[in-house]
Amino acid sequence: MKRTLSAILFVVVFVLGVSFALKNPQEVAIQYYFGLEWGPLPVSLIVIVVFLVGIIVGGLVAFLPILARQRELRRVRRRMAEMEEELSRLRRLPLRDEP
């Protein structure tokens, strides 16, 4: 079921993308700072590139906190292992009776 819905969604997005490209055949040039220029390229290609760059940047921004949490988790697990080892050593110590 999930695979079918994904396939249908992909087809819908693909058809919308193709229709957008066909309705916008104009070419534009992108001018950057310092006199750099990119183009002329079709509007649809520029929109797709900008969309993909946004997805990549957004994914990286969302992934950075996950990396920080994983690093914290490794630190806490290492500390827990040290504490469990210390507890195990303490349990093996002989008990002494106080007179």
PDB file of N, CA and C in Angstrom:
ATOM      1  N   MET A   1       0.824  -1.192   0.000  1.00  0.00           N
ATOM      2  CA  MET A   1       0.000   0.000   0.000  1.00  0.00           C
ATOM      3  C   MET A   1       0.866   1.253   0.000  1.00  0.00           C
ATOM      4  N   LYS A   2       1.874   1.263   0.879  1.00  0.00           N
ATOM      5  CA  LYS A   2       2.745   2.433   0.978  1.00  0.00           C
ATOM      6  C   LYS A   2       3.528   2.624  -0.315  1.00  0.00           C
ATOM      7  N   ARG A   3       3.971   1.533  -0.899  1.00  0.00           N
ATOM      8  CA  ARG A   3       4.727   1.605  -2.154  1.00  0.00           C
ATOM      9  C   ARG A   3       3.850   2.151  -3.276  1.00  0.00           C
ATOM     10  N   THR A   4       2.597   1.762  -3.301  1.00  0.00           N
ATOM     11  CA  THR A   4       1.667   2.242  -4.320  1.00  0.00           C
ATOM     12  C   THR A   4       1.426   3.736  -4.172  1.00  0.00           C
ATOM     13  N   LEU A   5       1.213   4.181  -2.931  1.00  0.00           N
ATOM     14  CA  LEU A   5       1.012   5.615  -2.708  1.00  0.00           C
ATOM     15  C   LEU A   5       2.247   6.422  -3.091  1.00  0.00           C
ATOM     16  N   SER A   6       3.427   5.901  -2.800  1.00  0.00           N
ATOM     17  CA  SER A   6       4.665   6.580  -3.182  1.00  0.00           C
ATOM     18  C   SER A   6       4.782   6.678  -4.694  1.00  0.00           C
ATOM     19  N   ALA A   7       4.430   5.610  -5.395  1.00  0.00           N
ATOM     20  CA  ALA A   7       4.494   5.613  -6.854  1.00  0.00           C
ATOM     21  C   ALA A   7       3.507   6.622  -7.438  1.00  0.00           C
ATOM     22  N   ILE A   8       2.304   6.662  -6.887  1.00  0.00           N
ATOM     23  CA  ILE A   8       1.296   7.622  -7.361  1.00  0.00           C
ATOM     24  C   ILE A   8       1.763   9.050  -7.106  1.00  0.00           C
ATOM     25  N   LEU A   9       2.295   9.313  -5.934  1.00  0.00           N
ATOM     26  CA  LEU A   9       2.806  10.648  -5.613  1.00  0.00           C
ATOM     27  C   LEU A   9       3.950  11.036  -6.542  1.00  0.00           C
ATOM     28  N   PHE A  10       4.839  10.097  -6.833  1.00  0.00           N
ATOM     29  CA  PHE A  10       5.945  10.373  -7.745  1.00  0.00           C
ATOM     30  C   PHE A  10       5.423  10.733  -9.131  1.00  0.00           C
ATOM     31  N   VAL A  11       4.458   9.988  -9.627  1.00  0.00           N
ATOM     32  CA  VAL A  11       3.896  10.250 -10.953  1.00  0.00           C
ATOM     33  C   VAL A  11       3.228  11.620 -10.989  1.00  0.00           C
ATOM     34  N   VAL A  12       2.483  11.968  -9.954  1.00  0.00           N
ATOM     35  CA  VAL A  12       1.812  13.270  -9.902  1.00  0.00           C
ATOM     36  C   VAL A  12       2.843  14.401  -9.904  1.00  0.00           C
ATOM     37  N   VAL A  13       3.866  14.278  -9.084  1.00  0.00           N
ATOM     38  CA  VAL A  13       4.904  15.321  -9.033  1.00  0.00           C
ATOM     39  C   VAL A  13       5.635  15.404 -10.367  1.00  0.00           C
ATOM     40  N   PHE A  14       5.905  14.258 -10.987  1.00  0.00           N
ATOM     41  CA  PHE A  14       6.583  14.249 -12.276  1.00  0.00           C
ATOM     42  C   PHE A  14       5.736  14.933 -13.345  1.00  0.00           C
ATOM     43  N   VAL A  15       4.453  14.622 -13.390  1.00  0.00           N
ATOM     44  CA  VAL A  15       3.559  15.238 -14.384  1.00  0.00           C
ATOM     45  C   VAL A  15       3.460  16.743 -14.148  1.00  0.00           C
ATOM     46  N   LEU A  16       3.364  17.156 -12.881  1.00  0.00           N
ATOM     47  CA  LEU A  16       3.326  18.592 -12.592  1.00  0.00           C
ATOM     48  C   LEU A  16       4.633  19.260 -13.016  1.00  0.00           C
ATOM     49  N   GLY A  17       5.753  18.616 -12.795  1.00  0.00           N
ATOM     50  CA  GLY A  17       7.043  19.180 -13.195  1.00  0.00           C
ATOM     51  C   GLY A  17       7.177  19.319 -14.698  1.00  0.00           C
ATOM     52  N   VAL A  18       6.744  18.289 -15.423  1.00  0.00           N
ATOM     53  CA  VAL A  18       6.810  18.344 -16.890  1.00  0.00           C
ATOM     54  C   VAL A  18       5.878  19.424 -17.418  1.00  0.00           C
ATOM     55  N   SER A  19       4.679  19.521 -16.863  1.00  0.00           N
ATOM     56  CA  SER A  19       3.753  20.557 -17.334  1.00  0.00           C
ATOM     57  C   SER A  19       4.282  21.953 -17.001  1.00  0.00           C
ATOM     58  N   PHE A  20       4.933  22.123 -15.862  1.00  0.00           N
ATOM     59  CA  PHE A  20       5.542  23.404 -15.507  1.00  0.00           C
ATOM     60  C   PHE A  20       6.647  23.746 -16.502  1.00  0.00           C
ATOM     61  N   ALA A  21       7.471  22.763 -16.853  1.00  0.00           N
ATOM     62  CA  ALA A  21       8.557  22.994 -17.807  1.00  0.00           C
ATOM     63  C   ALA A  21       8.020  23.358 -19.188  1.00  0.00           C
ATOM     64  N   LEU A  22       6.924  22.724 -19.597  1.00  0.00           N
ATOM     65  CA  LEU A  22       6.352  23.019 -20.907  1.00  0.00           C
ATOM     66  C   LEU A  22       5.682  24.394 -20.951  1.00  0.00           C
ATOM     67  N   LYS A  23       5.133  24.837 -19.841  1.00  0.00           N
ATOM     68  CA  LYS A  23       4.465  26.142 -19.804  1.00  0.00           C
ATOM     69  C   LYS A  23       5.452  27.293 -19.622  1.00  0.00           C
ATOM     70  N   ASN A  24       6.704  26.980 -19.228  1.00  0.00           N
ATOM     71  CA  ASN A  24       7.695  28.028 -18.990  1.00  0.00           C
ATOM     72  C   ASN A  24       8.977  27.741 -19.768  1.00  0.00           C
ATOM     73  N   PRO A  25       8.917  27.864 -21.098  1.00  0.00           N
ATOM     74  CA  PRO A  25      10.108  27.552 -21.892  1.00  0.00           C
ATOM     75  C   PRO A  25      11.122  28.706 -21.958  1.00  0.00           C
ATOM     76  N   GLN A  26      10.791  29.839 -21.352  1.00  0.00           N
ATOM     77  CA  GLN A  26      11.677  30.991 -21.435  1.00  0.00           C
ATOM     78  C   GLN A  26      13.025  30.688 -20.787  1.00  0.00           C
ATOM     79  N   GLU A  27      14.055  31.342 -21.293  1.00  0.00           N
ATOM     80  CA  GLU A  27      15.369  31.200 -20.701  1.00  0.00           C
ATOM     81  C   GLU A  27      15.728  32.498 -19.997  1.00  0.00           C
ATOM     82  N   VAL A  28      16.364  32.361 -18.861  1.00  0.00           N
ATOM     83  CA  VAL A  28      16.789  33.533 -18.094  1.00  0.00           C
ATOM     84  C   VAL A  28      18.250  33.348 -17.697  1.00  0.00           C
ATOM     85  N   ALA A  29      18.902  34.462 -17.441  1.00  0.00           N
ATOM     86  CA  ALA A  29      20.290  34.435 -16.976  1.00  0.00           C
ATOM     87  C   ALA A  29      20.299  34.853 -15.515  1.00  0.00           C
ATOM     88  N   ILE A  30      21.039  34.131 -14.728  1.00  0.00           N
ATOM     89  CA  ILE A  30      21.174  34.438 -13.305  1.00  0.00           C
ATOM     90  C   ILE A  30      22.461  35.231 -13.134  1.00  0.00           C
ATOM     91  N   GLN A  31      22.360  36.398 -12.514  1.00  0.00           N
ATOM     92  CA  GLN A  31      23.544  37.227 -12.287  1.00  0.00           C
ATOM     93  C   GLN A  31      23.881  37.205 -10.810  1.00  0.00           C
ATOM     94  N   TYR A  32      25.109  36.796 -10.516  1.00  0.00           N
ATOM     95  CA  TYR A  32      25.601  36.739  -9.149  1.00  0.00           C
ATOM     96  C   TYR A  32      26.332  38.026  -8.813  1.00  0.00           C
ATOM     97  N   TYR A  33      26.822  38.076  -7.607  1.00  0.00           N
ATOM     98  CA  TYR A  33      27.653  39.190  -7.192  1.00  0.00           C
ATOM     99  C   TYR A  33      28.994  39.130  -7.919  1.00  0.00           C
ATOM    100  N   PHE A  34      29.702  40.206  -7.937  1.00  0.00           N
ATOM    101  CA  PHE A  34      31.042  40.317  -8.522  1.00  0.00           C
ATOM    102  C   PHE A  34      31.054  40.041 -10.019  1.00  0.00           C
ATOM    103  N   GLY A  35      29.950  40.276 -10.700  1.00  0.00           N
ATOM    104  CA  GLY A  35      29.902  40.154 -12.146  1.00  0.00           C
ATOM    105  C   GLY A  35      29.791  38.739 -12.686  1.00  0.00           C
ATOM    106  N   LEU A  36      29.572  37.779 -11.839  1.00  0.00           N
ATOM    107  CA  LEU A  36      29.420  36.399 -12.310  1.00  0.00           C
ATOM    108  C   LEU A  36      28.022  36.205 -12.878  1.00  0.00           C
ATOM    109  N   GLU A  37      27.932  35.441 -13.975  1.00  0.00           N
ATOM    110  CA  GLU A  37      26.638  35.197 -14.601  1.00  0.00           C
ATOM    111  C   GLU A  37      26.515  33.719 -14.958  1.00  0.00           C
ATOM    112  N   TRP A  38      25.315  33.201 -14.797  1.00  0.00           N
ATOM    113  CA  TRP A  38      25.043  31.799 -15.078  1.00  0.00           C
ATOM    114  C   TRP A  38      23.844  31.735 -16.002  1.00  0.00           C
ATOM    115  N   GLY A  39      23.998  31.208 -17.153  1.00  0.00           N
ATOM    116  CA  GLY A  39      22.850  31.082 -18.021  1.00  0.00           C
ATOM    117  C   GLY A  39      23.189  31.518 -19.431  1.00  0.00           C
ATOM    118  N   PRO A  40      22.212  31.644 -20.268  1.00  0.00           N
ATOM    119  CA  PRO A  40      20.775  31.511 -20.025  1.00  0.00           C
ATOM    120  C   PRO A  40      20.345  30.046 -19.904  1.00  0.00           C
ATOM    121  N   LEU A  41      19.456  29.825 -18.973  1.00  0.00           N
ATOM    122  CA  LEU A  41      18.922  28.498 -18.704  1.00  0.00           C
ATOM    123  C   LEU A  41      17.400  28.571 -18.621  1.00  0.00           C
ATOM    124  N   PRO A  42      16.721  27.456 -18.897  1.00  0.00           N
ATOM    125  CA  PRO A  42      15.250  27.457 -18.771  1.00  0.00           C
ATOM    126  C   PRO A  42      14.814  27.714 -17.322  1.00  0.00           C
ATOM    127  N   VAL A  43      13.709  28.414 -17.183  1.00  0.00           N
ATOM    128  CA  VAL A  43      13.170  28.737 -15.859  1.00  0.00           C
ATOM    129  C   VAL A  43      12.928  27.469 -15.051  1.00  0.00           C
ATOM    130  N   SER A  44      12.400  26.439 -15.688  1.00  0.00           N
ATOM    131  CA  SER A  44      12.081  25.211 -14.966  1.00  0.00           C
ATOM    132  C   SER A  44      13.341  24.561 -14.386  1.00  0.00           C
ATOM    133  N   LEU A  45      14.455  24.594 -15.106  1.00  0.00           N
ATOM    134  CA  LEU A  45      15.696  24.024 -14.601  1.00  0.00           C
ATOM    135  C   LEU A  45      16.203  24.808 -13.387  1.00  0.00           C
ATOM    136  N   ILE A  46      16.096  26.108 -13.456  1.00  0.00           N
ATOM    137  CA  ILE A  46      16.530  26.946 -12.324  1.00  0.00           C
ATOM    138  C   ILE A  46      15.672  26.668 -11.101  1.00  0.00           C
ATOM    139  N   VAL A  47      14.364  26.536 -11.292  1.00  0.00           N
ATOM    140  CA  VAL A  47      13.471  26.244 -10.171  1.00  0.00           C
ATOM    141  C   VAL A  47      13.817  24.883  -9.561  1.00  0.00           C
ATOM    142  N   ILE A  48      14.073  23.891 -10.396  1.00  0.00           N
ATOM    143  CA  ILE A  48      14.420  22.558  -9.892  1.00  0.00           C
ATOM    144  C   ILE A  48      15.731  22.593  -9.125  1.00  0.00           C
ATOM    145  N   VAL A  49      16.736  23.290  -9.649  1.00  0.00           N
ATOM    146  CA  VAL A  49      18.031  23.378  -8.979  1.00  0.00           C
ATOM    147  C   VAL A  49      17.885  24.068  -7.627  1.00  0.00           C
ATOM    148  N   VAL A  50      17.156  25.181  -7.607  1.00  0.00           N
ATOM    149  CA  VAL A  50      16.961  25.902  -6.344  1.00  0.00           C
ATOM    150  C   VAL A  50      16.194  25.034  -5.349  1.00  0.00           C
ATOM    151  N   PHE A  51      15.205  24.306  -5.807  1.00  0.00           N
ATOM    152  CA  PHE A  51      14.438  23.411  -4.941  1.00  0.00           C
ATOM    153  C   PHE A  51      15.336  22.320  -4.347  1.00  0.00           C
ATOM    154  N   LEU A  52      16.172  21.707  -5.187  1.00  0.00           N
ATOM    155  CA  LEU A  52      17.071  20.656  -4.705  1.00  0.00           C
ATOM    156  C   LEU A  52      18.112  21.203  -3.730  1.00  0.00           C
ATOM    157  N   VAL A  53      18.638  22.386  -4.005  1.00  0.00           N
ATOM    158  CA  VAL A  53      19.584  23.001  -3.072  1.00  0.00           C
ATOM    159  C   VAL A  53      18.898  23.274  -1.736  1.00  0.00           C
ATOM    160  N   GLY A  54      17.659  23.717  -1.774  1.00  0.00           N
ATOM    161  CA  GLY A  54      16.900  23.947  -0.541  1.00  0.00           C
ATOM    162  C   GLY A  54      16.684  22.668   0.247  1.00  0.00           C
ATOM    163  N   ILE A  55      16.398  21.571  -0.449  1.00  0.00           N
ATOM    164  CA  ILE A  55      16.217  20.288   0.221  1.00  0.00           C
ATOM    165  C   ILE A  55      17.518  19.852   0.885  1.00  0.00           C
ATOM    166  N   ILE A  56      18.628  20.003   0.167  1.00  0.00           N
ATOM    167  CA  ILE A  56      19.929  19.591   0.712  1.00  0.00           C
ATOM    168  C   ILE A  56      20.302  20.432   1.923  1.00  0.00           C
ATOM    169  N   VAL A  57      20.170  21.748   1.808  1.00  0.00           N
ATOM    170  CA  VAL A  57      20.511  22.626   2.932  1.00  0.00           C
ATOM    171  C   VAL A  57      19.581  22.366   4.115  1.00  0.00           C
ATOM    172  N   GLY A  58      18.299  22.224   3.848  1.00  0.00           N
ATOM    173  CA  GLY A  58      17.345  21.928   4.922  1.00  0.00           C
ATOM    174  C   GLY A  58      17.636  20.598   5.598  1.00  0.00           C
ATOM    175  N   GLY A  59      18.001  19.597   4.812  1.00  0.00           N
ATOM    176  CA  GLY A  59      18.349  18.299   5.378  1.00  0.00           C
ATOM    177  C   GLY A  59      19.583  18.381   6.261  1.00  0.00           C
ATOM    178  N   LEU A  60      20.587  19.134   5.817  1.00  0.00           N
ATOM    179  CA  LEU A  60      21.794  19.301   6.639  1.00  0.00           C
ATOM    180  C   LEU A  60      21.485  20.030   7.941  1.00  0.00           C
ATOM    181  N   VAL A  61      20.689  21.070   7.851  1.00  0.00           N
ATOM    182  CA  VAL A  61      20.332  21.820   9.060  1.00  0.00           C
ATOM    183  C   VAL A  61      19.539  20.943  10.028  1.00  0.00           C
ATOM    184  N   ALA A  62      18.681  20.090   9.503  1.00  0.00           N
ATOM    185  CA  ALA A  62      17.908  19.199  10.369  1.00  0.00           C
ATOM    186  C   ALA A  62      18.766  18.067  10.912  1.00  0.00           C
ATOM    187  N   PHE A  63      19.817  17.672  10.183  1.00  0.00           N
ATOM    188  CA  PHE A  63      20.638  16.535  10.571  1.00  0.00           C
ATOM    189  C   PHE A  63      21.683  16.905  11.624  1.00  0.00           C
ATOM    190  N   LEU A  64      22.113  18.165  11.686  1.00  0.00           N
ATOM    191  CA  LEU A  64      23.144  18.568  12.641  1.00  0.00           C
ATOM    192  C   LEU A  64      22.741  18.327  14.101  1.00  0.00           C
ATOM    193  N   PRO A  65      21.527  18.665  14.524  1.00  0.00           N
ATOM    194  CA  PRO A  65      21.150  18.349  15.913  1.00  0.00           C
ATOM    195  C   PRO A  65      21.124  16.844  16.187  1.00  0.00           C
ATOM    196  N   ILE A  66      20.800  16.052  15.188  1.00  0.00           N
ATOM    197  CA  ILE A  66      20.806  14.605  15.365  1.00  0.00           C
ATOM    198  C   ILE A  66      22.225  14.119  15.635  1.00  0.00           C
ATOM    199  N   LEU A  67      23.198  14.671  14.908  1.00  0.00           N
ATOM    200  CA  LEU A  67      24.599  14.306  15.142  1.00  0.00           C
ATOM    201  C   LEU A  67      25.035  14.685  16.553  1.00  0.00           C
ATOM    202  N   ALA A  68      24.614  15.855  17.015  1.00  0.00           N
ATOM    203  CA  ALA A  68      24.969  16.281  18.369  1.00  0.00           C
ATOM    204  C   ALA A  68      24.363  15.331  19.407  1.00  0.00           C
ATOM    205  N   ARG A  69      23.133  14.922  19.202  1.00  0.00           N
ATOM    206  CA  ARG A  69      22.478  13.998  20.143  1.00  0.00           C
ATOM    207  C   ARG A  69      23.157  12.636  20.133  1.00  0.00           C
ATOM    208  N   GLN A  70      23.588  12.172  18.968  1.00  0.00           N
ATOM    209  CA  GLN A  70      24.278  10.883  18.901  1.00  0.00           C
ATOM    210  C   GLN A  70      25.616  10.948  19.620  1.00  0.00           C
ATOM    211  N   ARG A  71      26.325  12.065  19.489  1.00  0.00           N
ATOM    212  CA  ARG A  71      27.588  12.225  20.201  1.00  0.00           C
ATOM    213  C   ARG A  71      27.350  12.224  21.709  1.00  0.00           C
ATOM    214  N   GLU A  72      26.314  12.918  22.151  1.00  0.00           N
ATOM    215  CA  GLU A  72      25.957  12.947  23.574  1.00  0.00           C
ATOM    216  C   GLU A  72      25.582  11.548  24.059  1.00  0.00           C
ATOM    217  N   LEU A  73      24.833  10.807  23.246  1.00  0.00           N
ATOM    218  CA  LEU A  73      24.429   9.444  23.604  1.00  0.00           C
ATOM    219  C   LEU A  73      25.649   8.544  23.766  1.00  0.00           C
ATOM    220  N   ARG A  74      26.625   8.649  22.850  1.00  0.00           N
ATOM    221  CA  ARG A  74      27.849   7.847  22.983  1.00  0.00           C
ATOM    222  C   ARG A  74      28.596   8.191  24.262  1.00  0.00           C
ATOM    223  N   ARG A  75      28.662   9.485  24.609  1.00  0.00           N
ATOM    224  CA  ARG A  75      29.335   9.913  25.826  1.00  0.00           C
ATOM    225  C   ARG A  75      28.637   9.350  27.058  1.00  0.00           C
ATOM    226  N   VAL A  76      27.318   9.425  27.097  1.00  0.00           N
ATOM    227  CA  VAL A  76      26.557   8.924  28.235  1.00  0.00           C
ATOM    228  C   VAL A  76      26.686   7.403  28.351  1.00  0.00           C
ATOM    229  N   ARG A  77      26.652   6.695  27.234  1.00  0.00           N
ATOM    230  CA  ARG A  77      26.803   5.237  27.276  1.00  0.00           C
ATOM    231  C   ARG A  77      28.194   4.839  27.770  1.00  0.00           C
ATOM    232  N   ARG A  78      29.217   5.570  27.336  1.00  0.00           N
ATOM    233  CA  ARG A  78      30.565   5.288  27.809  1.00  0.00           C
ATOM    234  C   ARG A  78      30.668   5.518  29.313  1.00  0.00           C
ATOM    235  N   ARG A  79      30.070   6.613  29.783  1.00  0.00           N
ATOM    236  CA  ARG A  79      30.078   6.913  31.223  1.00  0.00           C
ATOM    237  C   ARG A  79      29.308   5.845  31.998  1.00  0.00           C
ATOM    238  N   MET A  80      28.179   5.383  31.461  1.00  0.00           N
ATOM    239  CA  MET A  80      27.394   4.345  32.113  1.00  0.00           C
ATOM    240  C   MET A  80      28.185   3.041  32.196  1.00  0.00           C
ATOM    241  N   ALA A  81      28.917   2.707  31.144  1.00  0.00           N
ATOM    242  CA  ALA A  81      29.737   1.485  31.166  1.00  0.00           C
ATOM    243  C   ALA A  81      30.820   1.596  32.235  1.00  0.00           C
ATOM    244  N   GLU A  82      31.427   2.775  32.362  1.00  0.00           N
ATOM    245  CA  GLU A  82      32.432   2.978  33.413  1.00  0.00           C
ATOM    246  C   GLU A  82      31.823   2.803  34.799  1.00  0.00           C
ATOM    247  N   MET A  83      30.635   3.355  34.991  1.00  0.00           N
ATOM    248  CA  MET A  83      29.977   3.256  36.293  1.00  0.00           C
ATOM    249  C   MET A  83      29.574   1.811  36.595  1.00  0.00           C
ATOM    250  N   GLU A  84      29.104   1.079  35.596  1.00  0.00           N
ATOM    251  CA  GLU A  84      28.746  -0.324  35.811  1.00  0.00           C
ATOM    252  C   GLU A  84      29.979  -1.154  36.144  1.00  0.00           C
ATOM    253  N   GLU A  85      31.093  -0.851  35.494  1.00  0.00           N
ATOM    254  CA  GLU A  85      32.332  -1.554  35.806  1.00  0.00           C
ATOM    255  C   GLU A  85      32.781  -1.255  37.229  1.00  0.00           C
ATOM    256  N   GLU A  86      32.675  -0.003  37.641  1.00  0.00           N
ATOM    257  CA  GLU A  86      33.030   0.364  39.017  1.00  0.00           C
ATOM    258  C   GLU A  86      32.123  -0.343  40.013  1.00  0.00           C
ATOM    259  N   LEU A  87      30.841  -0.397  39.727  1.00  0.00           N
ATOM    260  CA  LEU A  87      29.900  -1.080  40.600  1.00  0.00           C
ATOM    261  C   LEU A  87      30.230  -2.566  40.700  1.00  0.00           C
ATOM    262  N   SER A  88      30.593  -3.169  39.603  1.00  0.00           N
ATOM    263  CA  SER A  88      30.967  -4.582  39.605  1.00  0.00           C
ATOM    264  C   SER A  88      32.209  -4.812  40.470  1.00  0.00           C
ATOM    265  N   ARG A  89      33.186  -3.922  40.370  1.00  0.00           N
ATOM    266  CA  ARG A  89      34.384  -4.039  41.218  1.00  0.00           C
ATOM    267  C   ARG A  89      34.038  -3.887  42.691  1.00  0.00           C
ATOM    268  N   LEU A  90      33.159  -2.949  43.001  1.00  0.00           N
ATOM    269  CA  LEU A  90      32.761  -2.735  44.389  1.00  0.00           C
ATOM    270  C   LEU A  90      32.015  -3.936  44.949  1.00  0.00           C
ATOM    271  N   ARG A  91      31.225  -4.607  44.138  1.00  0.00           N
ATOM    272  CA  ARG A  91      30.485  -5.782  44.600  1.00  0.00           C
ATOM    273  C   ARG A  91      31.409  -6.952  44.884  1.00  0.00           C
ATOM    274  N   ARG A  92      32.548  -6.995  44.234  1.00  0.00           N
ATOM    275  CA  ARG A  92      33.484  -8.096  44.446  1.00  0.00           C
ATOM    276  C   ARG A  92      34.364  -7.890  45.676  1.00  0.00           C
ATOM    277  N   LEU A  93      34.366  -6.711  46.227  1.00  0.00           N
ATOM    278  CA  LEU A  93      35.173  -6.456  47.418  1.00  0.00           C
ATOM    279  C   LEU A  93      34.645  -7.277  48.589  1.00  0.00           C
ATOM    280  N   PRO A  94      35.537  -7.820  49.385  1.00  0.00           N
ATOM    281  CA  PRO A  94      35.059  -8.596  50.562  1.00  0.00           C
ATOM    282  C   PRO A  94      34.473  -7.657  51.605  1.00  0.00           C
ATOM    283  N   LEU A  95      33.477  -8.168  52.308  1.00  0.00           N
ATOM    284  CA  LEU A  95      32.844  -7.409  53.368  1.00  0.00           C
ATOM    285  C   LEU A  95      33.646  -7.598  54.665  1.00  0.00           C
ATOM    286  N   ARG A  96      33.860  -6.523  55.384  1.00  0.00           N
ATOM    287  CA  ARG A  96      34.575  -6.623  56.663  1.00  0.00           C
ATOM    288  C   ARG A  96      33.598  -6.279  57.766  1.00  0.00           C
ATOM    289  N   ASP A  97      33.674  -7.076  58.820  1.00  0.00           N
ATOM    290  CA  ASP A  97      32.848  -6.789  59.992  1.00  0.00           C
ATOM    291  C   ASP A  97      33.582  -5.797  60.877  1.00  0.00           C
ATOM    292  N   GLU A  98      32.868  -4.833  61.313  1.00  0.00           N
ATOM    293  CA  GLU A  98      33.429  -3.842  62.242  1.00  0.00           C
ATOM    294  C   GLU A  98      33.254  -4.367  63.660  1.00  0.00           C
ATOM    295  N   PRO A  99      34.313  -4.368  64.485  1.00  0.00           N
ATOM    296  CA  PRO A  99      34.153  -4.853  65.876  1.00  0.00           C
ATOM    297  C   PRO A  99      33.424  -3.898  66.774  1.00  0.00           C
TER     298      PRO A  99
END
